[in-house]
């Protein structure tokens, strides 16, 4: 297994990013700004972030060619920038507010503590955010993205991805492909994107706001919950899904009468 390149610190490269990505590197406190973006524009939003990573690499690397030979140092508890190669790698950024680009190969990318920006790019990657408010982008191929204990943003992008929010109030965007979105604990926002997606509804662990459920294509995933125990209540243009007194999810722009057992699956 080849060694990834240590690029330097985020302070060295932040000028290479545009304002949006600068904001991402510094982390986010909540998902309010993302929630204001039209669902149809979210894919373009994350594509722009990924393109900024690519531009830096195509221009010879961070700081004009520092990657490849690296800085001669190893990732530390400071704010690091790390670029993988085309092999399968296990990249551990340690603590600090870090930027990781897995590049090619099937990688395991660990942000650990701090507010991190992690992009898997090519290959089937596993991205673990850890502590802090992290932004995770899968890229191409089938990826697994897992948030930590804080408020994270997960974007699968292309192909069939699995997004697990963890604790905290998370924002999950599947992108293209048949994705599985599970906010887990906390009050989460789920956007499937294109193709057939599964939105998991959790019992007693949190709340899911589902923004783009498509009848006859997408499914709602249940675990240890029976369809017959659910209650559907129209709330203006949206549907509230309850189990007893607990509000489990709200499906936007949908009619309660259109739900049937065929819209649900066991996960």
C-alpha atoms as a PDB file:
ATOM      1  CA  UNK A   1       0.000   0.000   0.000  1.00  0.00           C
ATOM      2  CA  UNK A   2       1.473   3.325  -1.036  1.00  0.00           C
ATOM      3  CA  UNK A   3       1.737   6.237   1.362  1.00  0.00           C
ATOM      4  CA  UNK A   4      -0.501   9.277   0.825  1.00  0.00           C
ATOM      5  CA  UNK A   5       1.093  12.665   0.378  1.00  0.00           C
ATOM      6  CA  UNK A   6       1.147  15.083   3.261  1.00  0.00           C
ATOM      7  CA  UNK A   7       0.385  18.444   1.698  1.00  0.00           C
ATOM      8  CA  UNK A   8       0.808  20.905   4.518  1.00  0.00           C
ATOM      9  CA  UNK A   9      -1.647  22.813   6.649  1.00  0.00           C
ATOM     10  CA  UNK A  10      -5.006  24.234   5.697  1.00  0.00           C
ATOM     11  CA  UNK A  11      -3.628  27.701   6.342  1.00  0.00           C
ATOM     12  CA  UNK A  12      -1.250  27.066   3.433  1.00  0.00           C
ATOM     13  CA  UNK A  13      -3.947  26.179   0.934  1.00  0.00           C
ATOM     14  CA  UNK A  14      -7.085  28.022   1.966  1.00  0.00           C
ATOM     15  CA  UNK A  15      -6.471  30.749  -0.619  1.00  0.00           C
ATOM     16  CA  UNK A  16      -6.757  28.074  -3.322  1.00  0.00           C
ATOM     17  CA  UNK A  17     -10.406  27.494  -2.383  1.00  0.00           C
ATOM     18  CA  UNK A  18     -13.297  29.717  -3.370  1.00  0.00           C
ATOM     19  CA  UNK A  19     -15.501  31.225  -0.654  1.00  0.00           C
ATOM     20  CA  UNK A  20     -17.904  28.296  -0.486  1.00  0.00           C
ATOM     21  CA  UNK A  21     -15.203  25.756   0.179  1.00  0.00           C
ATOM     22  CA  UNK A  22     -13.462  28.108   2.594  1.00  0.00           C
ATOM     23  CA  UNK A  23     -16.680  28.066   4.572  1.00  0.00           C
ATOM     24  CA  UNK A  24     -16.793  24.268   4.426  1.00  0.00           C
ATOM     25  CA  UNK A  25     -13.253  23.862   5.715  1.00  0.00           C
ATOM     26  CA  UNK A  26     -14.119  26.015   8.704  1.00  0.00           C
ATOM     27  CA  UNK A  27     -17.095  23.771   9.434  1.00  0.00           C
ATOM     28  CA  UNK A  28     -20.732  24.595   9.989  1.00  0.00           C
ATOM     29  CA  UNK A  29     -22.896  24.957  13.056  1.00  0.00           C
ATOM     30  CA  UNK A  30     -26.137  23.898  11.392  1.00  0.00           C
ATOM     31  CA  UNK A  31     -27.737  23.108   8.048  1.00  0.00           C
ATOM     32  CA  UNK A  32     -29.875  26.226   7.678  1.00  0.00           C
ATOM     33  CA  UNK A  33     -27.973  27.578   4.664  1.00  0.00           C
ATOM     34  CA  UNK A  34     -28.100  24.239   2.831  1.00  0.00           C
ATOM     35  CA  UNK A  35     -31.793  23.965   3.565  1.00  0.00           C
ATOM     36  CA  UNK A  36     -32.305  27.197   1.629  1.00  0.00           C
ATOM     37  CA  UNK A  37     -30.806  25.685  -1.542  1.00  0.00           C
ATOM     38  CA  UNK A  38     -33.325  24.252  -3.987  1.00  0.00           C
ATOM     39  CA  UNK A  39     -33.255  20.445  -4.026  1.00  0.00           C
ATOM     40  CA  UNK A  40     -32.545  20.414  -7.759  1.00  0.00           C
ATOM     41  CA  UNK A  41     -29.470  22.616  -7.236  1.00  0.00           C
ATOM     42  CA  UNK A  42     -27.819  20.568  -4.485  1.00  0.00           C
ATOM     43  CA  UNK A  43     -25.971  18.249  -6.888  1.00  0.00           C
ATOM     44  CA  UNK A  44     -24.435  21.260  -8.632  1.00  0.00           C
ATOM     45  CA  UNK A  45     -23.470  22.722  -5.265  1.00  0.00           C
ATOM     46  CA  UNK A  46     -21.487  19.644  -4.255  1.00  0.00           C
ATOM     47  CA  UNK A  47     -20.064  19.204  -7.760  1.00  0.00           C
ATOM     48  CA  UNK A  48     -18.590  22.698  -7.463  1.00  0.00           C
ATOM     49  CA  UNK A  49     -16.870  21.762  -4.225  1.00  0.00           C
ATOM     50  CA  UNK A  50     -15.441  18.609  -5.820  1.00  0.00           C
ATOM     51  CA  UNK A  51     -14.289  20.600  -8.849  1.00  0.00           C
ATOM     52  CA  UNK A  52     -12.299  22.895  -6.568  1.00  0.00           C
ATOM     53  CA  UNK A  53     -10.415  19.901  -5.215  1.00  0.00           C
ATOM     54  CA  UNK A  54      -9.737  18.729  -8.765  1.00  0.00           C
ATOM     55  CA  UNK A  55      -8.511  22.147  -9.882  1.00  0.00           C
ATOM     56  CA  UNK A  56      -5.960  22.240  -7.104  1.00  0.00           C
ATOM     57  CA  UNK A  57      -4.651  18.795  -8.039  1.00  0.00           C
ATOM     58  CA  UNK A  58      -4.667  19.532 -11.791  1.00  0.00           C
ATOM     59  CA  UNK A  59      -2.659  22.701 -11.210  1.00  0.00           C
ATOM     60  CA  UNK A  60       0.176  20.697  -9.762  1.00  0.00           C
ATOM     61  CA  UNK A  61      -1.157  20.220  -6.299  1.00  0.00           C
ATOM     62  CA  UNK A  62      -1.724  22.375  -3.310  1.00  0.00           C
ATOM     63  CA  UNK A  63       0.622  25.358  -3.296  1.00  0.00           C
ATOM     64  CA  UNK A  64       1.814  24.734  -6.833  1.00  0.00           C
ATOM     65  CA  UNK A  65       3.255  21.254  -6.733  1.00  0.00           C
ATOM     66  CA  UNK A  66       3.925  20.522  -3.093  1.00  0.00           C
ATOM     67  CA  UNK A  67       2.084  17.236  -3.179  1.00  0.00           C
ATOM     68  CA  UNK A  68       3.701  14.155  -4.667  1.00  0.00           C
ATOM     69  CA  UNK A  69       6.880  14.614  -2.710  1.00  0.00           C
ATOM     70  CA  UNK A  70       4.920  15.933   0.218  1.00  0.00           C
ATOM     71  CA  UNK A  71       6.285  18.256   2.840  1.00  0.00           C
ATOM     72  CA  UNK A  72       8.298  15.541   4.499  1.00  0.00           C
ATOM     73  CA  UNK A  73       6.037  15.534   7.529  1.00  0.00           C
ATOM     74  CA  UNK A  74       3.242  13.284   8.756  1.00  0.00           C
ATOM     75  CA  UNK A  75      -0.328  14.267   9.521  1.00  0.00           C
ATOM     76  CA  UNK A  76      -0.557  15.805  12.965  1.00  0.00           C
ATOM     77  CA  UNK A  77      -3.074  17.300  15.362  1.00  0.00           C
ATOM     78  CA  UNK A  78      -2.810  20.556  13.399  1.00  0.00           C
ATOM     79  CA  UNK A  79      -5.043  21.509  10.450  1.00  0.00           C
ATOM     80  CA  UNK A  80      -3.744  19.184   7.736  1.00  0.00           C
ATOM     81  CA  UNK A  81      -4.320  18.802   3.998  1.00  0.00           C
ATOM     82  CA  UNK A  82      -3.761  15.268   2.708  1.00  0.00           C
ATOM     83  CA  UNK A  83      -3.974  13.892  -0.827  1.00  0.00           C
ATOM     84  CA  UNK A  84      -4.180  10.165  -1.495  1.00  0.00           C
ATOM     85  CA  UNK A  85      -2.923   8.387  -4.598  1.00  0.00           C
ATOM     86  CA  UNK A  86      -4.539   5.794  -6.848  1.00  0.00           C
ATOM     87  CA  UNK A  87      -4.014   2.851  -4.482  1.00  0.00           C
ATOM     88  CA  UNK A  88      -6.273   1.595  -1.696  1.00  0.00           C
ATOM     89  CA  UNK A  89      -5.351   3.613   1.368  1.00  0.00           C
ATOM     90  CA  UNK A  90      -6.214   4.083   5.027  1.00  0.00           C
ATOM     91  CA  UNK A  91      -5.764   7.801   5.707  1.00  0.00           C
ATOM     92  CA  UNK A  92      -6.047   9.038   9.288  1.00  0.00           C
ATOM     93  CA  UNK A  93      -5.971  12.829   9.587  1.00  0.00           C
ATOM     94  CA  UNK A  94      -5.814  12.792  13.389  1.00  0.00           C
ATOM     95  CA  UNK A  95      -7.147  15.931  15.115  1.00  0.00           C
ATOM     96  CA  UNK A  96      -7.548  19.452  13.739  1.00  0.00           C
ATOM     97  CA  UNK A  97      -9.656  20.925  10.936  1.00  0.00           C
ATOM     98  CA  UNK A  98      -8.464  18.842   7.994  1.00  0.00           C
ATOM     99  CA  UNK A  99      -8.983  18.498   4.242  1.00  0.00           C
ATOM    100  CA  UNK A 100      -8.630  14.980   2.812  1.00  0.00           C
ATOM    101  CA  UNK A 101      -8.815  13.921  -0.826  1.00  0.00           C
ATOM    102  CA  UNK A 102      -8.717  10.152  -1.312  1.00  0.00           C
ATOM    103  CA  UNK A 103      -8.040  10.489  -5.062  1.00  0.00           C
ATOM    104  CA  UNK A 104      -8.208   7.010  -6.689  1.00  0.00           C
ATOM    105  CA  UNK A 105      -8.574   3.610  -5.079  1.00  0.00           C
ATOM    106  CA  UNK A 106     -10.909   2.187  -2.457  1.00  0.00           C
ATOM    107  CA  UNK A 107      -9.929   4.263   0.546  1.00  0.00           C
ATOM    108  CA  UNK A 108     -10.777   4.556   4.225  1.00  0.00           C
ATOM    109  CA  UNK A 109     -10.675   8.254   5.146  1.00  0.00           C
ATOM    110  CA  UNK A 110     -10.868   9.303   8.802  1.00  0.00           C
ATOM    111  CA  UNK A 111     -11.353  12.924   9.740  1.00  0.00           C
ATOM    112  CA  UNK A 112     -11.277  12.317  13.515  1.00  0.00           C
ATOM    113  CA  UNK A 113     -11.628  15.379  15.770  1.00  0.00           C
ATOM    114  CA  UNK A 114     -12.122  18.819  14.275  1.00  0.00           C
ATOM    115  CA  UNK A 115     -14.271  20.235  11.482  1.00  0.00           C
ATOM    116  CA  UNK A 116     -13.135  18.342   8.394  1.00  0.00           C
ATOM    117  CA  UNK A 117     -13.745  18.406   4.654  1.00  0.00           C
ATOM    118  CA  UNK A 118     -13.310  14.928   3.152  1.00  0.00           C
ATOM    119  CA  UNK A 119     -13.686  13.981  -0.530  1.00  0.00           C
ATOM    120  CA  UNK A 120     -13.346  10.348  -1.587  1.00  0.00           C
ATOM    121  CA  UNK A 121     -13.274  11.085  -5.346  1.00  0.00           C
ATOM    122  CA  UNK A 122     -12.713   7.862  -7.379  1.00  0.00           C
ATOM    123  CA  UNK A 123     -13.126   4.362  -5.992  1.00  0.00           C
ATOM    124  CA  UNK A 124     -15.480   2.853  -3.445  1.00  0.00           C
ATOM    125  CA  UNK A 125     -14.535   4.762  -0.317  1.00  0.00           C
ATOM    126  CA  UNK A 126     -15.462   4.633   3.351  1.00  0.00           C
ATOM    127  CA  UNK A 127     -15.479   8.057   4.985  1.00  0.00           C
ATOM    128  CA  UNK A 128     -15.644   8.451   8.765  1.00  0.00           C
ATOM    129  CA  UNK A 129     -16.157  11.991   9.979  1.00  0.00           C
ATOM    130  CA  UNK A 130     -15.452  11.530  13.678  1.00  0.00           C
ATOM    131  CA  UNK A 131     -15.978  14.406  16.096  1.00  0.00           C
ATOM    132  CA  UNK A 132     -16.702  17.904  14.847  1.00  0.00           C
ATOM    133  CA  UNK A 133     -18.965  19.372  12.182  1.00  0.00           C
ATOM    134  CA  UNK A 134     -17.762  17.581   9.057  1.00  0.00           C
ATOM    135  CA  UNK A 135     -18.493  17.779   5.332  1.00  0.00           C
ATOM    136  CA  UNK A 136     -18.123  14.450   3.492  1.00  0.00           C
ATOM    137  CA  UNK A 137     -18.340  13.938  -0.283  1.00  0.00           C
ATOM    138  CA  UNK A 138     -18.252  10.431  -1.724  1.00  0.00           C
ATOM    139  CA  UNK A 139     -17.531  11.095  -5.403  1.00  0.00           C
ATOM    140  CA  UNK A 140     -17.598   8.279  -7.958  1.00  0.00           C
ATOM    141  CA  UNK A 141     -18.419   4.613  -7.223  1.00  0.00           C
ATOM    142  CA  UNK A 142     -20.293   3.106  -4.282  1.00  0.00           C
ATOM    143  CA  UNK A 143     -19.283   4.862  -1.077  1.00  0.00           C
ATOM    144  CA  UNK A 144     -20.147   4.616   2.614  1.00  0.00           C
ATOM    145  CA  UNK A 145     -20.230   7.899   4.538  1.00  0.00           C
ATOM    146  CA  UNK A 146     -20.640   7.945   8.297  1.00  0.00           C
ATOM    147  CA  UNK A 147     -20.987  11.063  10.413  1.00  0.00           C
ATOM    148  CA  UNK A 148     -20.046  11.359  14.056  1.00  0.00           C
ATOM    149  CA  UNK A 149     -21.504  12.967  17.150  1.00  0.00           C
ATOM    150  CA  UNK A 150     -21.952  16.485  15.788  1.00  0.00           C
ATOM    151  CA  UNK A 151     -23.791  18.206  12.921  1.00  0.00           C
ATOM    152  CA  UNK A 152     -22.484  16.808   9.623  1.00  0.00           C
ATOM    153  CA  UNK A 153     -23.141  17.178   5.903  1.00  0.00           C
ATOM    154  CA  UNK A 154     -22.936  13.999   3.806  1.00  0.00           C
ATOM    155  CA  UNK A 155     -23.162  13.940  -0.001  1.00  0.00           C
ATOM    156  CA  UNK A 156     -22.899  10.613  -1.808  1.00  0.00           C
ATOM    157  CA  UNK A 157     -22.708  12.197  -5.274  1.00  0.00           C
ATOM    158  CA  UNK A 158     -22.444   9.500  -8.014  1.00  0.00           C
ATOM    159  CA  UNK A 159     -23.414   5.795  -7.885  1.00  0.00           C
ATOM    160  CA  UNK A 160     -25.042   3.786  -5.088  1.00  0.00           C
ATOM    161  CA  UNK A 161     -24.047   5.168  -1.702  1.00  0.00           C
ATOM    162  CA  UNK A 162     -24.901   4.534   1.936  1.00  0.00           C
ATOM    163  CA  UNK A 163     -25.123   7.618   4.139  1.00  0.00           C
ATOM    164  CA  UNK A 164     -25.254   7.304   7.933  1.00  0.00           C
ATOM    165  CA  UNK A 165     -25.638  10.547   9.828  1.00  0.00           C
ATOM    166  CA  UNK A 166     -24.661   9.379  13.308  1.00  0.00           C
ATOM    167  CA  UNK A 167     -25.583  11.647  16.186  1.00  0.00           C
ATOM    168  CA  UNK A 168     -26.297  15.316  15.713  1.00  0.00           C
ATOM    169  CA  UNK A 169     -28.511  17.205  13.294  1.00  0.00           C
ATOM    170  CA  UNK A 170     -27.267  16.135   9.878  1.00  0.00           C
ATOM    171  CA  UNK A 171     -27.903  16.983   6.221  1.00  0.00           C
ATOM    172  CA  UNK A 172     -27.754  13.980   3.850  1.00  0.00           C
ATOM    173  CA  UNK A 173     -27.818  14.208   0.044  1.00  0.00           C
ATOM    174  CA  UNK A 174     -27.687  11.000  -1.988  1.00  0.00           C
ATOM    175  CA  UNK A 175     -27.073  12.482  -5.442  1.00  0.00           C
ATOM    176  CA  UNK A 176     -27.333  10.190  -8.459  1.00  0.00           C
ATOM    177  CA  UNK A 177     -27.613   6.439  -8.003  1.00  0.00           C
ATOM    178  CA  UNK A 178     -29.676   4.206  -5.732  1.00  0.00           C
ATOM    179  CA  UNK A 179     -28.765   5.439  -2.275  1.00  0.00           C
ATOM    180  CA  UNK A 180     -29.654   4.546   1.302  1.00  0.00           C
ATOM    181  CA  UNK A 181     -30.028   7.534   3.620  1.00  0.00           C
ATOM    182  CA  UNK A 182     -30.182   7.003   7.375  1.00  0.00           C
ATOM    183  CA  UNK A 183     -29.981  10.098   9.537  1.00  0.00           C
ATOM    184  CA  UNK A 184     -29.833   7.947  12.683  1.00  0.00           C
ATOM    185  CA  UNK A 185     -30.037  10.123  15.832  1.00  0.00           C
ATOM    186  CA  UNK A 186     -30.897  13.811  15.860  1.00  0.00           C
ATOM    187  CA  UNK A 187     -33.104  15.983  13.674  1.00  0.00           C
ATOM    188  CA  UNK A 188     -31.936  15.284  10.135  1.00  0.00           C
ATOM    189  CA  UNK A 189     -32.668  16.489   6.610  1.00  0.00           C
ATOM    190  CA  UNK A 190     -32.654  13.869   3.831  1.00  0.00           C
ATOM    191  CA  UNK A 191     -32.482  14.519   0.082  1.00  0.00           C
ATOM    192  CA  UNK A 192     -32.296  11.432  -2.119  1.00  0.00           C
ATOM    193  CA  UNK A 193     -31.584  13.021  -5.482  1.00  0.00           C
ATOM    194  CA  UNK A 194     -31.906  11.051  -8.716  1.00  0.00           C
ATOM    195  CA  UNK A 195     -32.857   7.368  -9.032  1.00  0.00           C
ATOM    196  CA  UNK A 196     -34.457   4.991  -6.546  1.00  0.00           C
ATOM    197  CA  UNK A 197     -33.499   5.794  -2.952  1.00  0.00           C
ATOM    198  CA  UNK A 198     -34.340   4.418   0.471  1.00  0.00           C
ATOM    199  CA  UNK A 199     -34.995   6.847   3.326  1.00  0.00           C
ATOM    200  CA  UNK A 200     -34.744   5.103   6.675  1.00  0.00           C
ATOM    201  CA  UNK A 201     -37.157   6.075   9.441  1.00  0.00           C
ATOM    202  CA  UNK A 202     -35.896   5.461  12.977  1.00  0.00           C
ATOM    203  CA  UNK A 203     -37.935   4.663  16.059  1.00  0.00           C
ATOM    204  CA  UNK A 204     -37.306   6.983  18.998  1.00  0.00           C
ATOM    205  CA  UNK A 205     -33.850   8.073  17.840  1.00  0.00           C
ATOM    206  CA  UNK A 206     -34.638  11.292  16.078  1.00  0.00           C
ATOM    207  CA  UNK A 207     -36.589  12.965  13.311  1.00  0.00           C
ATOM    208  CA  UNK A 208     -36.173  12.925   9.520  1.00  0.00           C
ATOM    209  CA  UNK A 209     -37.310  15.687   7.180  1.00  0.00           C
ATOM    210  CA  UNK A 210     -37.554  14.028   3.754  1.00  0.00           C
ATOM    211  CA  UNK A 211     -37.512  16.618   1.004  1.00  0.00           C
ATOM    212  CA  UNK A 212     -37.893  14.706  -2.276  1.00  0.00           C
ATOM    213  CA  UNK A 213     -39.717  11.392  -1.830  1.00  0.00           C
ATOM    214  CA  UNK A 214     -40.891  10.154  -5.237  1.00  0.00           C
ATOM    215  CA  UNK A 215     -43.973   7.930  -5.167  1.00  0.00           C
ATOM    216  CA  UNK A 216     -43.510   4.669  -7.073  1.00  0.00           C
ATOM    217  CA  UNK A 217     -39.722   5.032  -7.125  1.00  0.00           C
ATOM    218  CA  UNK A 218     -38.342   5.779  -3.659  1.00  0.00           C
ATOM    219  CA  UNK A 219     -38.983   3.742  -0.532  1.00  0.00           C
ATOM    220  CA  UNK A 220     -39.149   4.413   3.193  1.00  0.00           C
ATOM    221  CA  UNK A 221     -37.083   1.951   5.213  1.00  0.00           C
ATOM    222  CA  UNK A 222     -38.364   0.473   8.478  1.00  0.00           C
ATOM    223  CA  UNK A 223     -36.484  -1.491  11.128  1.00  0.00           C
ATOM    224  CA  UNK A 224     -38.450  -2.984  14.025  1.00  0.00           C
ATOM    225  CA  UNK A 225     -41.432  -0.858  13.002  1.00  0.00           C
ATOM    226  CA  UNK A 226     -44.561  -2.271  11.376  1.00  0.00           C
ATOM    227  CA  UNK A 227     -46.315  -0.357   8.628  1.00  0.00           C
ATOM    228  CA  UNK A 228     -49.676  -0.958  10.315  1.00  0.00           C
ATOM    229  CA  UNK A 229     -48.517   0.857  13.467  1.00  0.00           C
ATOM    230  CA  UNK A 230     -47.763   4.097  11.633  1.00  0.00           C
ATOM    231  CA  UNK A 231     -50.110   7.062  11.424  1.00  0.00           C
ATOM    232  CA  UNK A 232     -50.127   9.506   8.507  1.00  0.00           C
ATOM    233  CA  UNK A 233     -51.393  13.051   9.034  1.00  0.00           C
ATOM    234  CA  UNK A 234     -51.624  15.733   6.381  1.00  0.00           C
ATOM    235  CA  UNK A 235     -49.995  19.007   7.425  1.00  0.00           C
ATOM    236  CA  UNK A 236     -50.661  21.482   4.616  1.00  0.00           C
ATOM    237  CA  UNK A 237     -48.525  20.231   1.692  1.00  0.00           C
ATOM    238  CA  UNK A 238     -46.594  17.721   3.802  1.00  0.00           C
ATOM    239  CA  UNK A 239     -47.225  14.427   5.592  1.00  0.00           C
ATOM    240  CA  UNK A 240     -46.281  13.756   9.206  1.00  0.00           C
ATOM    241  CA  UNK A 241     -45.496  10.121  10.005  1.00  0.00           C
ATOM    242  CA  UNK A 242     -46.056   9.144  13.634  1.00  0.00           C
ATOM    243  CA  UNK A 243     -45.596   6.069  15.787  1.00  0.00           C
ATOM    244  CA  UNK A 244     -47.926   6.588  18.723  1.00  0.00           C
ATOM    245  CA  UNK A 245     -47.229  10.142  19.872  1.00  0.00           C
ATOM    246  CA  UNK A 246     -43.723  10.223  18.423  1.00  0.00           C
ATOM    247  CA  UNK A 247     -43.183  12.202  15.221  1.00  0.00           C
ATOM    248  CA  UNK A 248     -40.716  10.105  13.226  1.00  0.00           C
ATOM    249  CA  UNK A 249     -40.609  11.926   9.904  1.00  0.00           C
ATOM    250  CA  UNK A 250     -42.135  14.576   7.695  1.00  0.00           C
ATOM    251  CA  UNK A 251     -42.358  13.959   3.955  1.00  0.00           C
ATOM    252  CA  UNK A 252     -42.552  17.218   2.043  1.00  0.00           C
ATOM    253  CA  UNK A 253     -44.887  17.867  -0.896  1.00  0.00           C
ATOM    254  CA  UNK A 254     -46.828  14.623  -0.578  1.00  0.00           C
ATOM    255  CA  UNK A 255     -50.396  13.473   0.077  1.00  0.00           C
ATOM    256  CA  UNK A 256     -51.101  11.208   3.035  1.00  0.00           C
ATOM    257  CA  UNK A 257     -53.640   9.229   1.004  1.00  0.00           C
ATOM    258  CA  UNK A 258     -50.971   8.200  -1.487  1.00  0.00           C
ATOM    259  CA  UNK A 259     -48.999   6.172   1.052  1.00  0.00           C
ATOM    260  CA  UNK A 260     -49.389   2.394   0.957  1.00  0.00           C
ATOM    261  CA  UNK A 261     -47.472  -0.602   2.234  1.00  0.00           C
ATOM    262  CA  UNK A 262     -45.735  -0.766  -1.156  1.00  0.00           C
ATOM    263  CA  UNK A 263     -43.910   2.463  -0.300  1.00  0.00           C
ATOM    264  CA  UNK A 264     -42.082   0.766   2.586  1.00  0.00           C
ATOM    265  CA  UNK A 265     -39.339  -1.830   2.897  1.00  0.00           C
ATOM    266  CA  UNK A 266     -37.461  -3.552   5.715  1.00  0.00           C
ATOM    267  CA  UNK A 267     -33.875  -2.437   6.242  1.00  0.00           C
END
